[in-house]
Amino acid sequence: MSDSDSQRDHASIFSVAEIESAVGAIEIPGGAAAMREAMSRRHFNALRMHRSAADLDFETKPVDWYSLGCKATATDVRPSRTLAYAGGDFYLQDSGSLLALAAAGCDTDELAGQRVCDLCAAPGGKASALLEAIGDDGFLLANEPIRSRIAPLKYNLARTGSDRYAISSLDPDRLADKVGSEFDLVLVDAPCSGQALVSRGKQNPAAMTDKQVQHSASRQNRILDAAVRLLKPGGRLVYSTCTFAVDENEAQMQRLVDADWGTPASVTNLSDYQSASGCYRLWPHLHDCAGAFAASMQLADSFPTRTAKLSRKKSRNETRVSEKQLPKDWKQWYRESASKPLNYHIDGSVLFGFAADAPAWVESVAVAGPELAYRTGQTWKPSHEAAMRKGNAAMALQTHEVDEASARNFMAGSTISCPDRGWRIAQHQDRPLGWIKSDGRVGKNHLPGSARW
């Protein structure tokens, strides 16, 4: 069965009446029948451009609600098989998911230098945008409660080229207890009934049932209550879902406002999509995307703060190490430190380098972060995540510039010619692609399987 057939089958499960009932007390612009038909169509992913990205070599059209978003105009273009994508110039995601990033101001400079948290961060589409937006002086905590989802989150954060982050894996309530009121902005992309996922063929009939909506809403209540506790007084909460039900969307924000915890924070650039004060919607039949909801609220200045509980409990295998204790081949791979000093930690077979000016609570909650090296048996090797570092975060000593043909061969997993010996980063037009280890003739490919074409 093709993807389009699967999408039609999923959308045809629901009647117009079922869709109207599931959405709830809000008028569907253009009607539920048009919405139902649009949910059976494929919506191509958008490109969320990195701020330092080079010009693309294919034509695009803009995403109206996000200035760093665009879509390929030709349907036969495969952005994920371009060297620009391999080098981290853009991230692929449904254009609806960019609504929350617009609400957070990720396509402006307003997050530069701020301390932000993505509370439900995997697979990293929104977290990586936040990381790019905070720049060289901000800090991101990407929290993913489900441990099995951390691997793609790590990979996508590394693609940004930044080292200004840590990854935690805690229930939101427990994270709020441990960290306290620390953040200028918290983004909650909440688990939901997933009604918008129907248009991607990824959801079952329960998505439209009241039982599923109420179950999701109850879960969201708890997550949002924890998110508020993580904010500094006057901080900002951005909330998003991939569902249409009012009970999971506008009603959630109204609950917080009614509790006098904050006030809606309007986003001027999103006024065309407003559904309630501080709330915004995209519809599959109007905006060529799966659909999305996002809202912005400013926490009351009088909201009580909570102090971090900084008890330091190391994992069984974790050790902070000095530069003198780093792997013996370290100086063949990296400068001694990036532009800002690092705190080095070995956790089992992985070496992380956290920014030395990271918040004090990072060491008590982090399960991962900017990876520098990993060990197989007794041998340490430089990590692919470190190869992707850019700008002030770059650490690699040696690079090897390759032409387009060699770059494509490298991304496919092949060896490439290299006249210099040792470890170095293959790069194309100054975009890092990954590590090679050369014997002076051939560079052995150390690109991880997940990054290969």
Protein backbone atom coordinates (compact mmCIF):
# COMPACT_ATOMS: atom_id res chain seq x y z
CA MET A 1 0.00 0.00 0.00
CA SER A 2 1.39 3.45 -0.91
CA ASP A 3 1.72 6.30 1.59
CA SER A 4 -1.10 8.18 -0.13
CA ASP A 5 -3.40 5.13 0.03
CA SER A 6 -2.61 4.77 3.74
CA GLN A 7 -3.41 8.43 4.35
CA ARG A 8 -6.76 8.09 2.54
CA ASP A 9 -7.61 5.00 4.57
CA HIS A 10 -6.83 6.76 7.85
CA ALA A 11 -8.78 9.91 6.99
CA SER A 12 -11.80 7.97 5.66
CA ILE A 13 -12.22 6.36 9.09
CA PHE A 14 -13.74 9.58 10.40
CA SER A 15 -17.03 11.16 9.41
CA VAL A 16 -17.54 14.91 9.24
CA ALA A 17 -19.65 14.68 12.38
CA GLU A 18 -16.90 12.82 14.26
CA ILE A 19 -14.35 15.45 13.29
CA GLU A 20 -16.63 18.28 14.42
CA SER A 21 -17.28 16.54 17.72
CA ALA A 22 -13.61 15.87 18.34
CA VAL A 23 -12.56 19.45 17.59
CA GLY A 24 -15.13 20.80 20.02
CA ALA A 25 -16.33 24.33 20.67
CA ILE A 26 -14.59 26.16 17.88
CA GLU A 27 -15.69 26.83 14.32
CA ILE A 28 -13.65 25.03 11.67
CA PRO A 29 -12.94 27.67 9.01
CA GLY A 30 -13.99 26.33 5.62
CA GLY A 31 -15.86 23.45 7.23
CA ALA A 32 -15.11 19.94 8.48
CA ALA A 33 -15.74 18.37 5.06
CA ALA A 34 -12.87 20.33 3.50
CA MET A 35 -10.70 19.50 6.50
CA ARG A 36 -11.47 15.80 6.17
CA GLU A 37 -10.54 15.82 2.48
CA ALA A 38 -7.27 17.64 3.18
CA MET A 39 -6.34 15.06 5.81
CA SER A 40 -6.19 12.45 3.04
CA ARG A 41 -3.56 14.40 1.09
CA ARG A 42 0.17 14.28 1.49
CA HIS A 43 1.79 17.43 2.87
CA PHE A 44 5.48 17.69 2.01
CA ASN A 45 7.93 18.61 4.76
CA ALA A 46 9.32 22.10 5.11
CA LEU A 47 12.97 23.05 5.42
CA ARG A 48 13.80 24.94 8.61
CA MET A 49 16.96 26.79 7.65
CA HIS A 50 19.98 27.21 9.91
CA ARG A 51 20.90 30.86 10.34
CA SER A 52 24.33 30.29 8.79
CA ALA A 53 23.03 28.22 5.85
CA ALA A 54 24.30 28.78 2.32
CA ASP A 55 21.92 29.38 -0.57
CA LEU A 56 20.08 26.28 -1.76
CA ASP A 57 20.56 24.92 -5.27
CA PHE A 58 16.84 24.26 -5.82
CA GLU A 59 13.84 26.56 -5.87
CA THR A 60 11.75 27.07 -2.75
CA LYS A 61 8.69 28.97 -1.59
CA PRO A 62 8.40 30.55 1.88
CA VAL A 63 6.44 29.26 4.85
CA ASP A 64 4.28 32.26 5.67
CA TRP A 65 4.35 31.94 9.47
CA TYR A 66 8.08 31.29 9.91
CA SER A 67 10.73 33.43 8.27
CA LEU A 68 13.40 30.69 8.34
CA GLY A 69 11.06 28.10 6.79
CA CYS A 70 10.55 27.18 3.15
CA LYS A 71 9.39 24.33 0.93
CA ALA A 72 10.82 22.92 -2.29
CA THR A 73 8.61 23.94 -5.20
CA ALA A 74 9.35 20.77 -7.20
CA THR A 75 7.91 17.56 -5.76
CA ASP A 76 10.75 15.43 -7.16
CA VAL A 77 13.43 17.23 -5.12
CA ARG A 78 14.79 15.14 -2.24
CA PRO A 79 16.22 17.67 0.25
CA SER A 80 17.40 14.89 2.58
CA ARG A 81 19.83 13.70 -0.11
CA THR A 82 21.56 17.03 -0.56
CA LEU A 83 24.96 17.96 0.81
CA ALA A 84 23.38 21.04 2.36
CA TYR A 85 21.24 18.77 4.53
CA ALA A 86 24.21 16.52 5.33
CA GLY A 87 26.13 19.57 6.53
CA GLY A 88 23.33 20.74 8.83
CA ASP A 89 22.09 23.68 6.75
CA PHE A 90 18.47 22.75 7.42
CA TYR A 91 16.17 20.43 9.31
CA LEU A 92 13.14 18.74 7.74
CA GLN A 93 9.78 18.83 9.52
CA ASP A 94 6.11 19.40 8.86
CA SER A 95 5.56 23.10 8.33
CA GLY A 96 2.85 23.04 11.00
CA SER A 97 5.48 22.31 13.64
CA LEU A 98 7.10 25.65 12.81
CA LEU A 99 4.12 27.45 14.36
CA ALA A 100 5.41 26.79 17.89
CA LEU A 101 8.86 27.99 16.88
CA ALA A 102 7.35 31.21 15.55
CA ALA A 103 5.48 31.65 18.84
CA ALA A 104 8.78 31.19 20.70
CA GLY A 105 10.57 33.73 18.47
CA CYS A 106 13.10 31.24 17.12
CA ASP A 107 13.29 33.13 13.81
CA THR A 108 14.16 36.37 15.61
CA ASP A 109 16.98 37.43 17.94
CA GLU A 110 14.83 37.59 21.07
CA LEU A 111 16.08 34.27 22.49
CA ALA A 112 19.78 35.11 22.13
CA GLY A 113 21.57 34.54 25.42
CA GLN A 114 18.51 33.12 27.16
CA ARG A 115 18.15 29.98 29.24
CA VAL A 116 15.47 27.76 27.70
CA CYS A 117 13.97 24.31 28.26
CA ASP A 118 12.22 21.98 25.84
CA LEU A 119 10.30 19.80 28.26
CA CYS A 120 9.27 17.01 25.84
CA ALA A 121 12.14 17.32 23.41
CA ALA A 122 12.49 14.20 21.21
CA PRO A 123 13.08 13.81 18.34
CA GLY A 124 14.58 17.30 18.42
CA GLY A 125 12.90 19.35 15.69
CA LYS A 126 11.90 22.12 18.06
CA ALA A 127 14.80 21.67 20.48
CA SER A 128 17.36 22.11 17.69
CA ALA A 129 15.64 25.34 16.58
CA LEU A 130 15.75 26.66 20.14
CA LEU A 131 19.45 25.75 20.34
CA GLU A 132 20.21 27.67 17.16
CA ALA A 133 18.21 30.67 18.41
CA ILE A 134 19.96 31.08 21.78
CA GLY A 135 23.36 31.59 20.16
CA ASP A 136 26.76 31.30 21.82
CA ASP A 137 25.75 32.65 25.23
CA GLY A 138 22.40 30.96 25.93
CA PHE A 139 21.79 27.47 27.24
CA LEU A 140 19.25 24.76 26.37
CA LEU A 141 18.05 21.92 28.54
CA ALA A 142 16.41 19.33 26.28
CA ASN A 143 14.37 16.99 28.48
CA GLU A 144 12.96 13.75 27.10
CA PRO A 145 11.23 11.56 29.71
CA ILE A 146 11.35 8.44 27.48
CA ARG A 147 14.94 7.15 27.47
CA SER A 148 14.53 5.19 24.23
CA ARG A 149 13.94 8.46 22.36
CA ILE A 150 17.17 10.16 23.40
CA ALA A 151 19.33 8.84 20.53
CA PRO A 152 17.56 10.83 17.77
CA LEU A 153 17.43 13.86 20.06
CA LYS A 154 21.21 13.72 20.56
CA TYR A 155 21.78 13.39 16.83
CA ASN A 156 19.54 16.30 15.88
CA LEU A 157 20.99 18.63 18.50
CA ALA A 158 24.50 17.80 17.29
CA ARG A 159 23.52 18.75 13.72
CA THR A 160 23.14 22.38 14.83
CA GLY A 161 26.91 22.65 15.40
CA SER A 162 26.40 24.06 18.92
CA ASP A 163 27.61 22.80 22.29
CA ARG A 164 25.32 24.97 24.44
CA TYR A 165 23.04 22.23 25.71
CA ALA A 166 22.46 19.29 28.02
CA ILE A 167 19.97 16.44 27.76
CA SER A 168 17.95 15.16 30.72
CA SER A 169 15.44 12.33 30.99
CA LEU A 170 13.14 13.07 33.89
CA ASP A 171 9.43 13.19 34.50
CA PRO A 172 8.49 16.91 34.24
CA ASP A 173 7.43 17.08 37.90
CA ARG A 174 10.71 15.61 39.07
CA LEU A 175 12.69 17.92 36.81
CA ALA A 176 10.89 20.94 38.27
CA ASP A 177 11.67 19.68 41.78
CA LYS A 178 15.38 19.30 40.99
CA VAL A 179 15.99 22.40 38.87
CA GLY A 180 13.56 25.01 40.18
CA SER A 181 12.54 28.30 38.56
CA GLU A 182 15.47 28.65 36.16
CA PHE A 183 14.23 29.36 32.65
CA ASP A 184 13.39 32.42 30.59
CA LEU A 185 11.32 30.23 28.27
CA VAL A 186 9.89 26.73 28.50
CA LEU A 187 8.49 25.02 25.42
CA VAL A 188 6.02 22.17 25.90
CA ASP A 189 5.28 20.19 22.75
CA ALA A 190 2.87 18.02 24.65
CA PRO A 191 1.87 14.39 24.13
CA CYS A 192 -1.63 14.60 22.67
CA SER A 193 -4.34 12.66 20.88
CA GLY A 194 -2.42 13.29 17.65
CA GLN A 195 -5.37 14.11 15.42
CA ALA A 196 -3.14 16.03 12.99
CA LEU A 197 -1.02 12.90 12.52
CA VAL A 198 -3.91 11.29 10.64
CA SER A 199 -2.85 13.18 7.52
CA ARG A 200 0.56 11.49 7.81
CA GLY A 201 -1.00 8.03 8.16
CA LYS A 202 0.34 7.75 11.71
CA GLN A 203 -2.71 7.62 13.92
CA ASN A 204 -5.58 5.28 14.73
CA PRO A 205 -9.33 5.86 15.14
CA ALA A 206 -9.02 6.52 18.88
CA ALA A 207 -7.53 9.93 18.10
CA MET A 208 -10.99 11.40 17.56
CA THR A 209 -12.68 9.84 20.59
CA ASP A 210 -13.62 11.86 23.66
CA LYS A 211 -11.96 9.25 25.87
CA GLN A 212 -8.59 9.78 24.17
CA VAL A 213 -8.96 13.57 24.17
CA GLN A 214 -9.74 13.67 27.90
CA HIS A 215 -6.93 11.23 28.71
CA SER A 216 -4.49 13.44 26.81
CA ALA A 217 -5.84 16.63 28.39
CA SER A 218 -5.34 15.21 31.90
CA ARG A 219 -1.75 14.33 31.06
CA GLN A 220 -1.17 17.80 29.60
CA ASN A 221 -2.47 19.44 32.78
CA ARG A 222 0.26 17.79 34.80
CA ILE A 223 3.02 18.61 32.30
CA LEU A 224 1.98 22.25 32.05
CA ASP A 225 1.86 22.61 35.83
CA ALA A 226 5.45 21.39 35.96
CA ALA A 227 6.46 23.70 33.11
CA VAL A 228 5.18 26.73 35.01
CA ARG A 229 7.31 25.75 38.01
CA LEU A 230 10.40 25.75 35.79
CA LEU A 231 9.92 29.35 34.68
CA LYS A 232 11.39 32.45 36.23
CA PRO A 233 8.79 35.03 37.27
CA GLY A 234 7.84 36.88 34.11
CA GLY A 235 9.17 34.03 31.95
CA ARG A 236 7.35 32.74 28.93
CA LEU A 237 5.59 29.43 28.29
CA VAL A 238 5.07 28.21 24.71
CA TYR A 239 2.67 25.31 24.39
CA SER A 240 2.01 23.26 21.26
CA THR A 241 0.21 20.14 20.08
CA CYS A 242 -0.44 18.26 16.85
CA THR A 243 -4.14 17.94 17.53
CA PHE A 244 -7.32 19.95 16.90
CA ALA A 245 -9.37 19.36 20.08
CA VAL A 246 -10.15 22.55 22.00
CA ASP A 247 -9.87 20.64 25.29
CA GLU A 248 -6.22 19.93 24.51
CA ASN A 249 -5.48 23.38 23.13
CA GLU A 250 -7.21 26.67 24.00
CA ALA A 251 -8.81 25.17 27.11
CA GLN A 252 -5.39 24.25 28.48
CA MET A 253 -4.16 27.82 28.26
CA GLN A 254 -7.39 29.20 29.67
CA ARG A 255 -6.97 26.94 32.71
CA LEU A 256 -3.60 28.55 33.46
CA VAL A 257 -4.96 32.06 32.95
CA ASP A 258 -7.98 31.35 35.20
CA ALA A 259 -5.54 30.23 37.92
CA ASP A 260 -3.88 33.69 37.68
CA TRP A 261 -0.59 32.05 36.79
CA GLY A 262 -0.03 34.25 33.76
CA THR A 263 -1.50 36.19 30.88
CA PRO A 264 -1.70 35.39 27.14
CA ALA A 265 1.32 36.73 25.25
CA SER A 266 0.26 37.75 21.75
CA VAL A 267 2.65 37.13 18.87
CA THR A 268 2.20 39.95 16.38
CA ASN A 269 3.50 38.02 13.38
CA LEU A 270 0.92 35.27 13.97
CA SER A 271 -2.19 37.46 14.14
CA ASP A 272 -3.60 35.91 10.94
CA TYR A 273 -3.73 32.51 12.69
CA GLN A 274 -5.18 33.56 16.05
CA SER A 275 -7.94 31.38 17.52
CA ALA A 276 -8.06 32.97 21.00
CA SER A 277 -5.92 35.42 22.96
CA GLY A 278 -2.32 34.18 22.65
CA CYS A 279 -3.47 31.04 20.78
CA TYR A 280 -2.86 30.13 17.14
CA ARG A 281 -3.97 27.37 14.77
CA LEU A 282 -3.06 25.95 11.39
CA TRP A 283 -5.54 23.80 9.45
CA PRO A 284 -4.66 21.09 6.88
CA HIS A 285 -7.17 22.42 4.31
CA LEU A 286 -6.01 26.03 4.62
CA HIS A 287 -2.27 25.96 5.25
CA ASP A 288 -0.81 22.97 3.35
CA CYS A 289 0.38 21.18 6.46
CA ALA A 290 -0.81 18.46 8.81
CA GLY A 291 -2.23 21.08 11.17
CA ALA A 292 -0.94 22.50 14.44
CA PHE A 293 -1.73 24.50 17.56
CA ALA A 294 0.56 26.83 19.50
CA ALA A 295 0.08 29.28 22.34
CA SER A 296 2.20 31.76 24.27
CA MET A 297 1.75 32.85 27.89
CA GLN A 298 3.79 35.12 30.13
CA LEU A 299 4.14 33.98 33.72
CA ALA A 300 3.03 36.42 36.39
CA ASP A 301 5.88 38.37 38.04
CA SER A 302 4.38 37.42 41.39
CA PHE A 303 4.49 33.67 40.73
CA PRO A 304 6.49 32.05 43.57
CA THR A 305 9.98 30.89 42.65
CA ARG A 306 11.47 27.53 43.57
CA THR A 307 15.13 26.93 44.30
CA ALA A 308 17.04 24.12 42.62
CA LYS A 309 17.86 21.03 44.67
CA LEU A 310 21.49 20.63 43.73
CA SER A 311 22.30 17.27 45.25
CA ARG A 312 24.90 15.79 42.91
CA LYS A 313 24.23 12.12 42.20
CA LYS A 314 26.55 10.72 39.59
CA SER A 315 25.52 7.81 37.47
CA ARG A 316 27.34 4.62 38.44
CA ASN A 317 29.94 5.00 35.70
CA GLU A 318 30.24 8.79 35.44
CA THR A 319 33.43 10.65 36.31
CA ARG A 320 34.48 14.25 35.79
CA VAL A 321 37.96 14.31 34.29
CA SER A 322 40.62 16.95 33.71
CA GLU A 323 42.26 17.57 30.35
CA LYS A 324 45.25 15.53 31.58
CA GLN A 325 42.96 12.51 31.96
CA LEU A 326 41.49 12.67 28.47
CA PRO A 327 42.13 9.85 25.94
CA LYS A 328 45.77 9.70 24.88
CA ASP A 329 44.98 10.55 21.24
CA TRP A 330 42.93 13.59 22.23
CA LYS A 331 45.44 16.15 20.95
CA GLN A 332 45.47 14.47 17.53
CA TRP A 333 41.76 15.27 17.18
CA TYR A 334 41.01 18.50 19.02
CA ARG A 335 42.32 21.75 20.31
CA GLU A 336 42.58 21.68 24.11
CA SER A 337 39.28 23.51 24.44
CA ALA A 338 36.72 25.39 22.40
CA SER A 339 36.37 29.18 22.62
CA LYS A 340 34.86 28.68 26.07
CA PRO A 341 36.27 26.20 28.59
CA LEU A 342 34.61 22.81 28.96
CA ASN A 343 33.91 20.47 31.85
CA TYR A 344 34.73 16.93 30.72
CA HIS A 345 32.73 13.93 31.90
CA ILE A 346 33.16 10.25 31.10
CA ASP A 347 30.00 8.22 31.49
CA GLY A 348 30.77 4.58 30.75
CA SER A 349 32.16 4.55 27.22
CA VAL A 350 31.24 8.12 26.25
CA LEU A 351 33.09 11.39 26.83
CA PHE A 352 31.01 14.56 27.05
CA GLY A 353 32.17 18.17 27.13
CA PHE A 354 29.71 20.53 28.84
CA ALA A 355 30.21 24.28 28.70
CA ALA A 356 32.01 25.35 31.87
CA ASP A 357 29.59 28.26 32.29
CA ALA A 358 26.57 25.93 32.11
CA PRO A 359 24.12 26.22 35.03
CA ALA A 360 25.15 24.48 38.25
CA TRP A 361 22.26 22.02 38.07
CA VAL A 362 23.39 20.53 34.74
CA GLU A 363 25.58 17.90 36.39
CA SER A 364 22.70 16.72 38.61
CA VAL A 365 20.21 16.13 35.77
CA ALA A 366 22.14 15.49 32.54
CA VAL A 367 22.21 12.03 31.01
CA ALA A 368 23.87 13.23 27.80
CA GLY A 369 25.22 16.34 26.17
CA PRO A 370 27.77 17.45 23.60
CA GLU A 371 29.61 14.21 22.86
CA LEU A 372 33.32 14.36 22.10
CA ALA A 373 34.52 10.74 21.99
CA TYR A 374 33.40 7.17 22.52
CA ARG A 375 35.18 3.95 23.39
CA THR A 376 35.00 0.61 21.64
CA GLY A 377 36.81 -1.94 23.78
CA GLN A 378 39.91 -0.10 24.98
CA THR A 379 40.10 2.25 21.97
CA TRP A 380 38.78 5.81 22.06
CA LYS A 381 37.54 7.44 18.84
CA PRO A 382 36.31 10.97 18.10
CA SER A 383 32.51 11.28 17.96
CA HIS A 384 30.48 12.23 14.90
CA GLU A 385 28.63 14.77 17.04
CA ALA A 386 31.88 16.67 17.59
CA ALA A 387 32.61 16.57 13.87
CA MET A 388 29.47 18.64 13.25
CA ARG A 389 30.60 21.53 15.46
CA LYS A 390 30.59 24.91 13.76
CA GLY A 391 31.71 28.43 14.51
CA ASN A 392 32.83 29.10 18.07
CA ALA A 393 32.03 25.53 19.09
CA ALA A 394 34.36 23.93 16.52
CA MET A 395 37.23 21.95 18.07
CA ALA A 396 38.72 19.74 15.36
CA LEU A 397 42.38 20.30 14.51
CA GLN A 398 42.36 18.96 10.97
CA THR A 399 39.91 19.08 8.08
CA HIS A 400 39.98 17.73 4.54
CA GLU A 401 38.03 19.62 1.88
CA VAL A 402 36.44 17.38 -0.76
CA ASP A 403 34.69 18.00 -4.07
CA GLU A 404 31.01 17.24 -4.65
CA ALA A 405 31.56 13.77 -6.08
CA SER A 406 33.80 12.73 -3.17
CA ALA A 407 31.36 14.25 -0.69
CA ARG A 408 28.50 12.21 -2.12
CA ASN A 409 30.59 9.06 -2.03
CA PHE A 410 31.47 9.79 1.58
CA MET A 411 27.80 10.25 2.53
CA ALA A 412 27.06 6.89 0.89
CA GLY A 413 29.65 5.23 3.15
CA SER A 414 32.60 4.98 0.77
CA THR A 415 36.24 5.71 1.45
CA ILE A 416 37.72 8.86 -0.08
CA SER A 417 41.20 9.89 -1.18
CA CYS A 418 43.23 11.83 1.38
CA PRO A 419 46.99 12.50 1.12
CA ASP A 420 47.37 13.38 4.80
CA ARG A 421 47.58 10.88 7.64
CA GLY A 422 45.42 10.68 10.75
CA TRP A 423 41.98 11.74 11.88
CA ARG A 424 40.37 14.68 10.14
CA ILE A 425 36.93 15.95 9.23
CA ALA A 426 35.77 15.61 5.64
CA GLN A 427 34.05 18.81 4.64
CA HIS A 428 32.48 20.23 1.49
CA GLN A 429 32.35 23.99 0.92
CA ASP A 430 33.24 24.43 4.61
CA ARG A 431 30.33 22.24 5.72
CA PRO A 432 31.48 19.44 8.07
CA LEU A 433 30.32 15.98 7.02
CA GLY A 434 32.07 13.55 9.35
CA TRP A 435 35.33 11.89 10.35
CA ILE A 436 37.81 10.01 8.22
CA LYS A 437 41.00 8.29 9.33
CA SER A 438 43.61 8.36 6.60
CA ASP A 439 46.74 6.28 6.04
CA GLY A 440 48.11 8.97 3.70
CA ARG A 441 46.29 7.60 0.67
CA VAL A 442 42.78 6.52 1.60
CA GLY A 443 40.50 8.04 4.19
CA LYS A 444 38.49 5.35 5.98
CA ASN A 445 34.87 6.41 6.43
CA HIS A 446 33.74 6.81 10.07
CA LEU A 447 30.32 8.25 9.30
CA PRO A 448 27.72 6.52 11.53
CA GLY A 449 25.14 4.41 9.75
CA SER A 450 22.29 6.70 10.82
CA ALA A 451 23.87 9.60 8.93
CA ARG A 452 24.58 7.74 5.68
CA TRP A 453 22.53 7.93 2.52
